[in-house]
Amino acid sequence: MICVAIGRSRHKHVMAEHKHLAEQGAKMVELRLDYLSGKVSIRRLMADRPAGTQVIITCRRKEDGGKWSGTEEARLLLLREAIAEGV
């Protein structure tokens, strides 16, 4: 199975790309939270996802090749929220 990464700055763009990829046959996507600007809503991302697709949530630090500019504490809190939402 191939996992396609989605890195967009706005929730609506993430969801539009996720929908498009699902229509093209993607069964698994990686949602890159480090690309999102503003407050990240895991609940919204999960509620709006296309049916039948699996999701991997990542939030990569700059030293890991990502764009996360927040604190490590905030990053871990976001990842814990994803776990709590059942991702």
N, C-alpha and C. Protein backbone atom coordinates (compact mmCIF):
# COMPACT_ATOMS: atom_id res chain seq x y z
N MET A 1 0.85 -1.17 0.00
CA MET A 1 0.00 0.00 0.00
C MET A 1 0.90 1.24 0.00
N ILE A 2 0.52 2.21 -0.78
CA ILE A 2 1.26 3.47 -0.85
C ILE A 2 0.53 4.51 -0.01
N CYS A 3 1.29 5.28 0.76
CA CYS A 3 0.75 6.37 1.57
C CYS A 3 1.15 7.69 0.93
N VAL A 4 0.18 8.54 0.66
CA VAL A 4 0.43 9.83 0.03
C VAL A 4 0.41 10.92 1.09
N ALA A 5 1.47 11.73 1.14
CA ALA A 5 1.56 12.82 2.12
C ALA A 5 0.81 14.05 1.63
N ILE A 6 0.10 14.70 2.57
CA ILE A 6 -0.60 15.95 2.28
C ILE A 6 -0.04 17.02 3.20
N GLY A 7 0.54 18.05 2.61
CA GLY A 7 1.07 19.16 3.38
C GLY A 7 0.52 20.47 2.83
N ARG A 8 -0.48 21.01 3.46
CA ARG A 8 -1.11 22.26 3.04
C ARG A 8 -1.22 23.18 4.25
N SER A 9 -1.37 24.47 4.00
CA SER A 9 -1.38 25.44 5.10
C SER A 9 -2.77 25.67 5.70
N ARG A 10 -3.83 25.23 5.01
CA ARG A 10 -5.19 25.46 5.51
C ARG A 10 -5.97 24.15 5.55
N HIS A 11 -6.82 24.03 6.58
CA HIS A 11 -7.63 22.83 6.74
C HIS A 11 -8.43 22.51 5.47
N LYS A 12 -9.06 23.53 4.88
CA LYS A 12 -9.92 23.27 3.72
C LYS A 12 -9.12 22.74 2.54
N HIS A 13 -7.87 23.15 2.41
CA HIS A 13 -7.03 22.64 1.32
C HIS A 13 -6.60 21.21 1.59
N VAL A 14 -6.33 20.90 2.85
CA VAL A 14 -6.00 19.52 3.23
C VAL A 14 -7.17 18.61 2.88
N MET A 15 -8.37 19.02 3.27
CA MET A 15 -9.54 18.18 3.05
C MET A 15 -9.87 18.05 1.56
N ALA A 16 -9.69 19.11 0.80
CA ALA A 16 -9.94 19.04 -0.65
C ALA A 16 -8.96 18.07 -1.31
N GLU A 17 -7.69 18.13 -0.92
CA GLU A 17 -6.71 17.22 -1.50
C GLU A 17 -6.97 15.78 -1.05
N HIS A 18 -7.35 15.61 0.21
CA HIS A 18 -7.66 14.27 0.73
C HIS A 18 -8.82 13.67 -0.08
N LYS A 19 -9.85 14.46 -0.30
CA LYS A 19 -11.00 13.99 -1.08
C LYS A 19 -10.58 13.61 -2.50
N HIS A 20 -9.78 14.47 -3.12
CA HIS A 20 -9.30 14.21 -4.48
C HIS A 20 -8.49 12.91 -4.54
N LEU A 21 -7.58 12.73 -3.58
CA LEU A 21 -6.76 11.52 -3.56
C LEU A 21 -7.61 10.27 -3.35
N ALA A 22 -8.62 10.37 -2.49
CA ALA A 22 -9.51 9.23 -2.26
C ALA A 22 -10.27 8.89 -3.54
N GLU A 23 -10.70 9.90 -4.27
CA GLU A 23 -11.40 9.68 -5.54
C GLU A 23 -10.48 9.02 -6.58
N GLN A 24 -9.18 9.27 -6.46
CA GLN A 24 -8.20 8.68 -7.36
C GLN A 24 -7.76 7.28 -6.92
N GLY A 25 -8.28 6.83 -5.77
CA GLY A 25 -7.99 5.48 -5.31
C GLY A 25 -7.04 5.36 -4.14
N ALA A 26 -6.58 6.47 -3.58
CA ALA A 26 -5.68 6.41 -2.42
C ALA A 26 -6.42 5.80 -1.23
N LYS A 27 -5.78 4.86 -0.57
CA LYS A 27 -6.37 4.20 0.60
C LYS A 27 -5.74 4.69 1.90
N MET A 28 -4.59 5.37 1.81
CA MET A 28 -3.90 5.85 3.01
C MET A 28 -3.23 7.19 2.71
N VAL A 29 -3.40 8.14 3.63
CA VAL A 29 -2.75 9.44 3.49
C VAL A 29 -2.04 9.81 4.79
N GLU A 30 -1.00 10.60 4.64
CA GLU A 30 -0.29 11.17 5.79
C GLU A 30 -0.68 12.64 5.86
N LEU A 31 -1.27 13.06 6.96
CA LEU A 31 -1.61 14.46 7.15
C LEU A 31 -0.48 15.12 7.92
N ARG A 32 0.21 16.05 7.26
CA ARG A 32 1.36 16.74 7.84
C ARG A 32 0.88 17.97 8.60
N LEU A 33 0.72 17.83 9.90
CA LEU A 33 0.24 18.93 10.73
C LEU A 33 1.22 20.09 10.78
N ASP A 34 2.50 19.81 10.56
CA ASP A 34 3.50 20.87 10.61
C ASP A 34 3.34 21.89 9.48
N TYR A 35 2.60 21.57 8.46
CA TYR A 35 2.35 22.51 7.37
C TYR A 35 1.20 23.46 7.67
N LEU A 36 0.29 23.05 8.54
CA LEU A 36 -0.90 23.87 8.82
C LEU A 36 -0.55 25.15 9.57
N SER A 37 -1.16 26.24 9.15
CA SER A 37 -0.98 27.51 9.87
C SER A 37 -2.19 27.71 10.78
N GLY A 38 -1.99 28.44 11.83
CA GLY A 38 -3.09 28.68 12.76
C GLY A 38 -3.35 27.48 13.65
N LYS A 39 -4.49 27.50 14.32
CA LYS A 39 -4.85 26.42 15.24
C LYS A 39 -5.22 25.17 14.46
N VAL A 40 -4.63 24.05 14.85
CA VAL A 40 -4.90 22.77 14.20
C VAL A 40 -6.07 22.09 14.91
N SER A 41 -7.04 21.62 14.14
CA SER A 41 -8.18 20.90 14.70
C SER A 41 -8.16 19.45 14.21
N ILE A 42 -7.65 18.56 15.05
CA ILE A 42 -7.62 17.14 14.71
C ILE A 42 -9.04 16.63 14.51
N ARG A 43 -9.94 17.04 15.38
CA ARG A 43 -11.34 16.60 15.30
C ARG A 43 -11.94 16.95 13.94
N ARG A 44 -11.70 18.16 13.49
CA ARG A 44 -12.23 18.59 12.19
C ARG A 44 -11.60 17.80 11.04
N LEU A 45 -10.30 17.59 11.10
CA LEU A 45 -9.63 16.82 10.06
C LEU A 45 -10.16 15.39 9.98
N MET A 46 -10.44 14.80 11.12
CA MET A 46 -10.93 13.42 11.15
C MET A 46 -12.41 13.35 10.76
N ALA A 47 -13.20 14.32 11.17
CA ALA A 47 -14.63 14.32 10.86
C ALA A 47 -14.88 14.51 9.36
N ASP A 48 -14.03 15.29 8.71
CA ASP A 48 -14.24 15.61 7.29
C ASP A 48 -13.53 14.67 6.33
N ARG A 49 -12.83 13.67 6.84
CA ARG A 49 -12.06 12.81 5.94
C ARG A 49 -12.98 11.89 5.13
N PRO A 50 -12.54 11.56 3.92
CA PRO A 50 -13.34 10.64 3.09
C PRO A 50 -13.40 9.25 3.72
N ALA A 51 -14.54 8.61 3.58
CA ALA A 51 -14.71 7.26 4.11
C ALA A 51 -13.78 6.30 3.37
N GLY A 52 -13.29 5.31 4.09
CA GLY A 52 -12.47 4.28 3.47
C GLY A 52 -11.00 4.60 3.34
N THR A 53 -10.56 5.73 3.87
CA THR A 53 -9.13 6.03 3.82
C THR A 53 -8.54 5.96 5.22
N GLN A 54 -7.36 5.39 5.30
CA GLN A 54 -6.63 5.36 6.56
C GLN A 54 -5.78 6.62 6.64
N VAL A 55 -5.54 7.08 7.87
CA VAL A 55 -4.81 8.33 8.06
C VAL A 55 -3.64 8.12 9.01
N ILE A 56 -2.50 8.67 8.62
CA ILE A 56 -1.34 8.76 9.50
C ILE A 56 -1.15 10.24 9.79
N ILE A 57 -1.03 10.59 11.05
CA ILE A 57 -0.81 11.99 11.45
C ILE A 57 0.66 12.16 11.81
N THR A 58 1.30 13.16 11.22
CA THR A 58 2.67 13.49 11.60
C THR A 58 2.79 14.98 11.84
N CYS A 59 3.79 15.35 12.60
CA CYS A 59 4.08 16.75 12.88
C CYS A 59 5.59 16.84 13.02
N ARG A 60 6.26 17.06 11.92
CA ARG A 60 7.72 16.98 11.87
C ARG A 60 8.39 18.29 12.29
N ARG A 61 9.40 18.12 13.13
CA ARG A 61 10.21 19.26 13.56
C ARG A 61 11.13 19.69 12.42
N LYS A 62 11.62 20.91 12.49
CA LYS A 62 12.53 21.41 11.45
C LYS A 62 13.76 20.53 11.32
N GLU A 63 14.30 20.09 12.45
CA GLU A 63 15.50 19.25 12.40
C GLU A 63 15.22 17.87 11.81
N ASP A 64 13.94 17.53 11.65
CA ASP A 64 13.54 16.26 11.03
C ASP A 64 13.03 16.48 9.61
N GLY A 65 13.27 17.67 9.06
CA GLY A 65 12.85 17.98 7.70
C GLY A 65 11.45 18.56 7.59
N GLY A 66 10.86 18.91 8.73
CA GLY A 66 9.50 19.45 8.74
C GLY A 66 9.46 20.96 8.85
N LYS A 67 8.28 21.47 9.15
CA LYS A 67 8.07 22.91 9.24
C LYS A 67 7.57 23.35 10.61
N TRP A 68 7.50 22.43 11.58
CA TRP A 68 6.97 22.78 12.90
C TRP A 68 7.83 23.85 13.54
N SER A 69 7.21 24.96 13.94
CA SER A 69 7.94 26.06 14.57
C SER A 69 7.50 26.28 16.01
N GLY A 70 6.54 25.49 16.47
CA GLY A 70 6.07 25.61 17.85
C GLY A 70 6.99 24.88 18.81
N THR A 71 6.58 24.85 20.06
CA THR A 71 7.37 24.17 21.08
C THR A 71 7.20 22.66 20.97
N GLU A 72 8.15 21.94 21.53
CA GLU A 72 8.07 20.48 21.56
C GLU A 72 6.86 20.04 22.39
N GLU A 73 6.60 20.77 23.46
CA GLU A 73 5.44 20.46 24.31
C GLU A 73 4.14 20.57 23.50
N ALA A 74 4.00 21.62 22.71
CA ALA A 74 2.80 21.81 21.90
C ALA A 74 2.69 20.74 20.81
N ARG A 75 3.81 20.36 20.24
CA ARG A 75 3.81 19.31 19.21
C ARG A 75 3.35 17.98 19.78
N LEU A 76 3.89 17.63 20.95
CA LEU A 76 3.51 16.38 21.59
C LEU A 76 2.04 16.40 22.01
N LEU A 77 1.57 17.54 22.46
CA LEU A 77 0.16 17.68 22.83
C LEU A 77 -0.74 17.42 21.62
N LEU A 78 -0.36 17.95 20.47
CA LEU A 78 -1.11 17.75 19.24
C LEU A 78 -1.13 16.27 18.85
N LEU A 79 0.00 15.60 18.97
CA LEU A 79 0.06 14.18 18.64
C LEU A 79 -0.76 13.35 19.62
N ARG A 80 -0.75 13.74 20.89
CA ARG A 80 -1.59 13.04 21.89
C ARG A 80 -3.07 13.25 21.58
N GLU A 81 -3.42 14.43 21.11
CA GLU A 81 -4.81 14.70 20.73
C GLU A 81 -5.22 13.78 19.58
N ALA A 82 -4.32 13.57 18.63
CA ALA A 82 -4.61 12.66 17.52
C ALA A 82 -4.85 11.24 18.03
N ILE A 83 -4.05 10.81 18.99
CA ILE A 83 -4.23 9.48 19.58
C ILE A 83 -5.59 9.40 20.26
N ALA A 84 -5.95 10.44 21.01
CA ALA A 84 -7.24 10.47 21.71
C ALA A 84 -8.42 10.44 20.74
N GLU A 85 -8.22 10.98 19.54
CA GLU A 85 -9.28 10.98 18.51
C GLU A 85 -9.34 9.66 17.76
N GLY A 86 -8.45 8.74 18.10
CA GLY A 86 -8.49 7.41 17.48
C GLY A 86 -7.73 7.27 16.19
N VAL A 87 -6.83 8.19 15.93
CA VAL A 87 -6.03 8.11 14.69
C VAL A 87 -4.96 7.06 14.87
